[in-house]
Amino acid sequence: LGSALGWGRPFRLMAQAPRLWLISCCLG
């Protein structure tokens, strides 16, 4: 929602949270 409304970089990073969560399972 923040990215769609143009509220800046922190909201674009928050939209990527599920990807970061999935990547974090392979930190062995």
PDB file of all heavy atoms in Angstrom:
ATOM      1  N   LEU A   1       0.828  -1.202   0.000  1.00  0.00           N
ATOM      2  CA  LEU A   1       0.000   0.000   0.000  1.00  0.00           C
ATOM      3  C   LEU A   1       0.869   1.262   0.000  1.00  0.00           C
ATOM      4  O   LEU A   1       0.615   2.201  -0.748  1.00  0.00           O
ATOM      5  CB  LEU A   1      -0.933   0.002   1.210  1.00  0.00           C
ATOM      6  CG  LEU A   1      -1.840   1.222   1.356  1.00  0.00           C
ATOM      7  CD1 LEU A   1      -2.813   1.270   0.183  1.00  0.00           C
ATOM      8  CD2 LEU A   1      -2.568   1.168   2.667  1.00  0.00           C
ATOM      9  N   GLY A   2       1.896   1.257   0.830  1.00  0.00           N
ATOM     10  CA  GLY A   2       2.801   2.408   0.870  1.00  0.00           C
ATOM     11  C   GLY A   2       3.539   2.617  -0.435  1.00  0.00           C
ATOM     12  O   GLY A   2       3.760   3.752  -0.865  1.00  0.00           O
ATOM     13  N   SER A   3       3.922   1.531  -1.095  1.00  0.00           N
ATOM     14  CA  SER A   3       4.580   1.644  -2.400  1.00  0.00           C
ATOM     15  C   SER A   3       3.625   2.193  -3.450  1.00  0.00           C
ATOM     16  O   SER A   3       4.015   3.022  -4.272  1.00  0.00           O
ATOM     17  CB  SER A   3       5.100   0.282  -2.865  1.00  0.00           C
ATOM     18  OG  SER A   3       6.153  -0.137  -2.057  1.00  0.00           O
ATOM     19  N   ALA A   4       2.379   1.733  -3.424  1.00  0.00           N
ATOM     20  CA  ALA A   4       1.392   2.195  -4.399  1.00  0.00           C
ATOM     21  C   ALA A   4       1.088   3.684  -4.226  1.00  0.00           C
ATOM     22  O   ALA A   4       0.836   4.388  -5.201  1.00  0.00           O
ATOM     23  CB  ALA A   4       0.108   1.384  -4.277  1.00  0.00           C
ATOM     24  N   LEU A   5       1.138   4.152  -2.996  1.00  0.00           N
ATOM     25  CA  LEU A   5       0.862   5.558  -2.732  1.00  0.00           C
ATOM     26  C   LEU A   5       2.112   6.434  -2.839  1.00  0.00           C
ATOM     27  O   LEU A   5       2.024   7.648  -2.644  1.00  0.00           O
ATOM     28  CB  LEU A   5       0.220   5.719  -1.347  1.00  0.00           C
ATOM     29  CG  LEU A   5      -1.142   5.051  -1.189  1.00  0.00           C
ATOM     30  CD1 LEU A   5      -1.631   5.176   0.236  1.00  0.00           C
ATOM     31  CD2 LEU A   5      -2.148   5.639  -2.159  1.00  0.00           C
ATOM     32  N   GLY A   6       3.268   5.811  -3.099  1.00  0.00           N
ATOM     33  CA  GLY A   6       4.503   6.565  -3.294  1.00  0.00           C
ATOM     34  C   GLY A   6       5.094   7.134  -2.024  1.00  0.00           C
ATOM     35  O   GLY A   6       5.652   8.228  -2.031  1.00  0.00           O
ATOM     36  N   TRP A   7       4.988   6.412  -0.929  1.00  0.00           N
ATOM     37  CA  TRP A   7       5.481   6.905   0.348  1.00  0.00           C
ATOM     38  C   TRP A   7       6.964   6.659   0.582  1.00  0.00           C
ATOM     39  O   TRP A   7       7.476   6.935   1.646  1.00  0.00           O
ATOM     40  CB  TRP A   7       4.687   6.305   1.495  1.00  0.00           C
ATOM     41  CG  TRP A   7       3.297   6.850   1.583  1.00  0.00           C
ATOM     42  CD1 TRP A   7       2.807   7.956   0.971  1.00  0.00           C
ATOM     43  CD2 TRP A   7       2.227   6.306   2.331  1.00  0.00           C
ATOM     44  NE1 TRP A   7       1.500   8.132   1.289  1.00  0.00           N
ATOM     45  CE2 TRP A   7       1.101   7.128   2.133  1.00  0.00           C
ATOM     46  CE3 TRP A   7       2.099   5.197   3.152  1.00  0.00           C
ATOM     47  CZ2 TRP A   7      -0.118   6.887   2.725  1.00  0.00           C
ATOM     48  CZ3 TRP A   7       0.879   4.948   3.736  1.00  0.00           C
ATOM     49  CH2 TRP A   7      -0.214   5.794   3.528  1.00  0.00           C
ATOM     50  N   GLY A   8       7.681   6.090  -0.357  1.00  0.00           N
ATOM     51  CA  GLY A   8       9.132   6.008  -0.236  1.00  0.00           C
ATOM     52  C   GLY A   8       9.699   4.617  -0.085  1.00  0.00           C
ATOM     53  O   GLY A   8       9.014   3.608  -0.089  1.00  0.00           O
ATOM     54  N   ARG A   9      11.023   4.615   0.051  1.00  0.00           N
ATOM     55  CA  ARG A   9      11.812   3.400   0.069  1.00  0.00           C
ATOM     56  C   ARG A   9      11.470   2.430   1.215  1.00  0.00           C
ATOM     57  O   ARG A   9      11.444   1.218   0.994  1.00  0.00           O
ATOM     58  CB  ARG A   9      13.294   3.772   0.101  1.00  0.00           C
ATOM     59  CG  ARG A   9      14.214   2.588   0.060  1.00  0.00           C
ATOM     60  CD  ARG A   9      15.663   3.034  -0.018  1.00  0.00           C
ATOM     61  NE  ARG A   9      16.562   1.935   0.121  1.00  0.00           N
ATOM     62  CZ  ARG A   9      16.938   1.152  -0.848  1.00  0.00           C
ATOM     63  NH1 ARG A   9      16.470   1.331  -2.051  1.00  0.00           N
ATOM     64  NH2 ARG A   9      17.783   0.166  -0.632  1.00  0.00           N
ATOM     65  N   PRO A  10      11.248   2.884   2.444  1.00  0.00           N
ATOM     66  CA  PRO A  10      10.944   1.906   3.507  1.00  0.00           C
ATOM     67  C   PRO A  10       9.735   1.043   3.190  1.00  0.00           C
ATOM     68  O   PRO A  10       9.709  -0.140   3.519  1.00  0.00           O
ATOM     69  CB  PRO A  10      10.682   2.780   4.740  1.00  0.00           C
ATOM     70  CG  PRO A  10      11.403   4.045   4.470  1.00  0.00           C
ATOM     71  CD  PRO A  10      11.339   4.248   2.992  1.00  0.00           C
ATOM     72  N   PHE A  11       8.747   1.605   2.522  1.00  0.00           N
ATOM     73  CA  PHE A  11       7.553   0.821   2.196  1.00  0.00           C
ATOM     74  C   PHE A  11       7.835  -0.163   1.060  1.00  0.00           C
ATOM     75  O   PHE A  11       7.267  -1.254   1.029  1.00  0.00           O
ATOM     76  CB  PHE A  11       6.394   1.749   1.858  1.00  0.00           C
ATOM     77  CG  PHE A  11       5.866   2.459   3.072  1.00  0.00           C
ATOM     78  CD1 PHE A  11       6.307   3.725   3.390  1.00  0.00           C
ATOM     79  CD2 PHE A  11       4.961   1.833   3.909  1.00  0.00           C
ATOM     80  CE1 PHE A  11       5.839   4.366   4.518  1.00  0.00           C
ATOM     81  CE2 PHE A  11       4.485   2.464   5.038  1.00  0.00           C
ATOM     82  CZ  PHE A  11       4.939   3.741   5.341  1.00  0.00           C
ATOM     83  N   ARG A  12       8.704   0.204   0.132  1.00  0.00           N
ATOM     84  CA  ARG A  12       9.078  -0.746  -0.924  1.00  0.00           C
ATOM     85  C   ARG A  12       9.838  -1.925  -0.321  1.00  0.00           C
ATOM     86  O   ARG A  12       9.672  -3.065  -0.750  1.00  0.00           O
ATOM     87  CB  ARG A  12       9.932  -0.045  -1.978  1.00  0.00           C
ATOM     88  CG  ARG A  12       9.143   0.895  -2.848  1.00  0.00           C
ATOM     89  CD  ARG A  12       9.915   1.320  -4.078  1.00  0.00           C
ATOM     90  NE  ARG A  12      11.192   1.929  -3.771  1.00  0.00           N
ATOM     91  CZ  ARG A  12      11.397   3.244  -3.668  1.00  0.00           C
ATOM     92  NH1 ARG A  12      10.397   4.084  -3.834  1.00  0.00           N
ATOM     93  NH2 ARG A  12      12.590   3.723  -3.392  1.00  0.00           N
ATOM     94  N   LEU A  13      10.666  -1.659   0.686  1.00  0.00           N
ATOM     95  CA  LEU A  13      11.386  -2.745   1.355  1.00  0.00           C
ATOM     96  C   LEU A  13      10.445  -3.629   2.168  1.00  0.00           C
ATOM     97  O   LEU A  13      10.620  -4.845   2.210  1.00  0.00           O
ATOM     98  CB  LEU A  13      12.479  -2.166   2.255  1.00  0.00           C
ATOM     99  CG  LEU A  13      13.627  -1.469   1.536  1.00  0.00           C
ATOM    100  CD1 LEU A  13      14.570  -0.830   2.541  1.00  0.00           C
ATOM    101  CD2 LEU A  13      14.366  -2.430   0.646  1.00  0.00           C
ATOM    102  N   MET A  14       9.449  -3.028   2.790  1.00  0.00           N
ATOM    103  CA  MET A  14       8.483  -3.823   3.556  1.00  0.00           C
ATOM    104  C   MET A  14       7.680  -4.748   2.651  1.00  0.00           C
ATOM    105  O   MET A  14       7.277  -5.833   3.065  1.00  0.00           O
ATOM    106  CB  MET A  14       7.542  -2.909   4.336  1.00  0.00           C
ATOM    107  CG  MET A  14       8.184  -2.252   5.534  1.00  0.00           C
ATOM    108  SD  MET A  14       7.123  -1.028   6.324  1.00  0.00           S
ATOM    109  CE  MET A  14       5.770  -2.030   6.871  1.00  0.00           C
ATOM    110  N   ALA A  15       7.457  -4.334   1.409  1.00  0.00           N
ATOM    111  CA  ALA A  15       6.713  -5.177   0.473  1.00  0.00           C
ATOM    112  C   ALA A  15       7.500  -6.432   0.105  1.00  0.00           C
ATOM    113  O   ALA A  15       6.924  -7.418  -0.357  1.00  0.00           O
ATOM    114  CB  ALA A  15       6.362  -4.385  -0.776  1.00  0.00           C
ATOM    115  N   GLN A  16       8.825  -6.422   0.326  1.00  0.00           N
ATOM    116  CA  GLN A  16       9.670  -7.578   0.018  1.00  0.00           C
ATOM    117  C   GLN A  16       9.860  -8.500   1.219  1.00  0.00           C
ATOM    118  O   GLN A  16      10.618  -9.463   1.146  1.00  0.00           O
ATOM    119  CB  GLN A  16      11.038  -7.105  -0.485  1.00  0.00           C
ATOM    120  CG  GLN A  16      10.958  -6.233  -1.715  1.00  0.00           C
ATOM    121  CD  GLN A  16      10.243  -6.899  -2.863  1.00  0.00           C
ATOM    122  OE1 GLN A  16      10.461  -8.070  -3.129  1.00  0.00           O
ATOM    123  NE2 GLN A  16       9.380  -6.160  -3.529  1.00  0.00           N
ATOM    124  N   ALA A  17       9.196  -8.245   2.327  1.00  0.00           N
ATOM    125  CA  ALA A  17       9.368  -9.034   3.555  1.00  0.00           C
ATOM    126  C   ALA A  17       9.134 -10.532   3.362  1.00  0.00           C
ATOM    127  O   ALA A  17       9.910 -11.345   3.882  1.00  0.00           O
ATOM    128  CB  ALA A  17       8.486  -8.485   4.664  1.00  0.00           C
ATOM    129  N   PRO A  18       8.093 -10.969   2.626  1.00  0.00           N
ATOM    130  CA  PRO A  18       7.919 -12.419   2.455  1.00  0.00           C
ATOM    131  C   PRO A  18       9.088 -13.067   1.706  1.00  0.00           C
ATOM    132  O   PRO A  18       9.467 -14.189   2.028  1.00  0.00           O
ATOM    133  CB  PRO A  18       6.627 -12.537   1.655  1.00  0.00           C
ATOM    134  CG  PRO A  18       5.886 -11.294   1.941  1.00  0.00           C
ATOM    135  CD  PRO A  18       6.935 -10.238   2.103  1.00  0.00           C
ATOM    136  N   ARG A  19       9.658 -12.375   0.742  1.00  0.00           N
ATOM    137  CA  ARG A  19      10.820 -12.933   0.035  1.00  0.00           C
ATOM    138  C   ARG A  19      12.016 -13.074   0.963  1.00  0.00           C
ATOM    139  O   ARG A  19      12.717 -14.085   0.928  1.00  0.00           O
ATOM    140  CB  ARG A  19      11.195 -12.039  -1.141  1.00  0.00           C
ATOM    141  CG  ARG A  19      10.221 -12.112  -2.257  1.00  0.00           C
ATOM    142  CD  ARG A  19      10.683 -11.282  -3.409  1.00  0.00           C
ATOM    143  NE  ARG A  19       9.675 -11.319  -4.453  1.00  0.00           N
ATOM    144  CZ  ARG A  19       9.611 -10.464  -5.427  1.00  0.00           C
ATOM    145  NH1 ARG A  19      10.475  -9.492  -5.518  1.00  0.00           N
ATOM    146  NH2 ARG A  19       8.661 -10.569  -6.333  1.00  0.00           N
ATOM    147  N   LEU A  20      12.262 -12.062   1.779  1.00  0.00           N
ATOM    148  CA  LEU A  20      13.374 -12.147   2.730  1.00  0.00           C
ATOM    149  C   LEU A  20      13.151 -13.260   3.739  1.00  0.00           C
ATOM    150  O   LEU A  20      14.092 -13.938   4.140  1.00  0.00           O
ATOM    151  CB  LEU A  20      13.556 -10.807   3.441  1.00  0.00           C
ATOM    152  CG  LEU A  20      13.998  -9.652   2.564  1.00  0.00           C
ATOM    153  CD1 LEU A  20      13.987  -8.357   3.363  1.00  0.00           C
ATOM    154  CD2 LEU A  20      15.366  -9.916   1.985  1.00  0.00           C
ATOM    155  N   TRP A  21      11.896 -13.456   4.156  1.00  0.00           N
ATOM    156  CA  TRP A  21      11.597 -14.518   5.107  1.00  0.00           C
ATOM    157  C   TRP A  21      11.886 -15.881   4.488  1.00  0.00           C
ATOM    158  O   TRP A  21      12.450 -16.754   5.136  1.00  0.00           O
ATOM    159  CB  TRP A  21      10.134 -14.406   5.536  1.00  0.00           C
ATOM    160  CG  TRP A  21       9.711 -15.462   6.499  1.00  0.00           C
ATOM    161  CD1 TRP A  21       9.980 -15.495   7.830  1.00  0.00           C
ATOM    162  CD2 TRP A  21       8.973 -16.637   6.201  1.00  0.00           C
ATOM    163  NE1 TRP A  21       9.434 -16.626   8.378  1.00  0.00           N
ATOM    164  CE2 TRP A  21       8.811 -17.343   7.401  1.00  0.00           C
ATOM    165  CE3 TRP A  21       8.432 -17.164   5.040  1.00  0.00           C
ATOM    166  CZ2 TRP A  21       8.136 -18.542   7.470  1.00  0.00           C
ATOM    167  CZ3 TRP A  21       7.753 -18.361   5.119  1.00  0.00           C
ATOM    168  CH2 TRP A  21       7.608 -19.036   6.322  1.00  0.00           C
ATOM    169  N   LEU A  22      11.521 -16.072   3.218  1.00  0.00           N
ATOM    170  CA  LEU A  22      11.776 -17.352   2.549  1.00  0.00           C
ATOM    171  C   LEU A  22      13.266 -17.577   2.316  1.00  0.00           C
ATOM    172  O   LEU A  22      13.757 -18.702   2.443  1.00  0.00           O
ATOM    173  CB  LEU A  22      11.023 -17.413   1.226  1.00  0.00           C
ATOM    174  CG  LEU A  22       9.517 -17.605   1.348  1.00  0.00           C
ATOM    175  CD1 LEU A  22       8.859 -17.466  -0.010  1.00  0.00           C
ATOM    176  CD2 LEU A  22       9.202 -18.950   1.964  1.00  0.00           C
ATOM    177  N   ILE A  23      13.990 -16.536   1.954  1.00  0.00           N
ATOM    178  CA  ILE A  23      15.431 -16.662   1.731  1.00  0.00           C
ATOM    179  C   ILE A  23      16.159 -16.983   3.038  1.00  0.00           C
ATOM    180  O   ILE A  23      17.146 -17.713   3.041  1.00  0.00           O
ATOM    181  CB  ILE A  23      15.988 -15.378   1.094  1.00  0.00           C
ATOM    182  CG1 ILE A  23      15.492 -15.256  -0.342  1.00  0.00           C
ATOM    183  CG2 ILE A  23      17.496 -15.338   1.134  1.00  0.00           C
ATOM    184  CD1 ILE A  23      15.801 -13.924  -0.984  1.00  0.00           C
ATOM    185  N   SER A  24      15.660 -16.467   4.151  1.00  0.00           N
ATOM    186  CA  SER A  24      16.353 -16.647   5.424  1.00  0.00           C
ATOM    187  C   SER A  24      16.360 -18.091   5.915  1.00  0.00           C
ATOM    188  O   SER A  24      17.094 -18.419   6.840  1.00  0.00           O
ATOM    189  CB  SER A  24      15.751 -15.746   6.498  1.00  0.00           C
ATOM    190  OG  SER A  24      14.442 -16.145   6.795  1.00  0.00           O
ATOM    191  N   CYS A  25      15.584 -18.980   5.307  1.00  0.00           N
ATOM    192  CA  CYS A  25      15.610 -20.376   5.744  1.00  0.00           C
ATOM    193  C   CYS A  25      16.891 -21.077   5.298  1.00  0.00           C
ATOM    194  O   CYS A  25      17.251 -22.102   5.850  1.00  0.00           O
ATOM    195  CB  CYS A  25      14.383 -21.121   5.243  1.00  0.00           C
ATOM    196  SG  CYS A  25      14.357 -21.415   3.482  1.00  0.00           S
ATOM    197  N   CYS A  26      17.605 -20.544   4.324  1.00  0.00           N
ATOM    198  CA  CYS A  26      18.811 -21.192   3.786  1.00  0.00           C
ATOM    199  C   CYS A  26      20.085 -20.484   4.218  1.00  0.00           C
ATOM    200  O   CYS A  26      20.969 -20.253   3.401  1.00  0.00           O
ATOM    201  CB  CYS A  26      18.733 -21.238   2.263  1.00  0.00           C
ATOM    202  SG  CYS A  26      17.374 -22.223   1.675  1.00  0.00           S
ATOM    203  N   LEU A  27      20.202 -20.151   5.477  1.00  0.00           N
ATOM    204  CA  LEU A  27      21.376 -19.443   5.970  1.00  0.00           C
ATOM    205  C   LEU A  27      22.422 -20.374   6.574  1.00  0.00           C
ATOM    206  O   LEU A  27      23.324 -19.911   7.252  1.00  0.00           O
ATOM    207  CB  LEU A  27      20.963 -18.404   7.019  1.00  0.00           C
ATOM    208  CG  LEU A  27      20.148 -17.226   6.503  1.00  0.00           C
ATOM    209  CD1 LEU A  27      19.736 -16.345   7.661  1.00  0.00           C
ATOM    210  CD2 LEU A  27      20.933 -16.442   5.491  1.00  0.00           C
ATOM    211  N   GLY A  28      22.318 -21.676   6.357  1.00  0.00           N
ATOM    212  CA  GLY A  28      23.266 -22.623   6.941  1.00  0.00           C
ATOM    213  C   GLY A  28      24.696 -22.323   6.536  1.00  0.00           C
ATOM    214  O   GLY A  28      24.994 -22.114   5.370  1.00  0.00           O
TER     215      GLY A  28
END
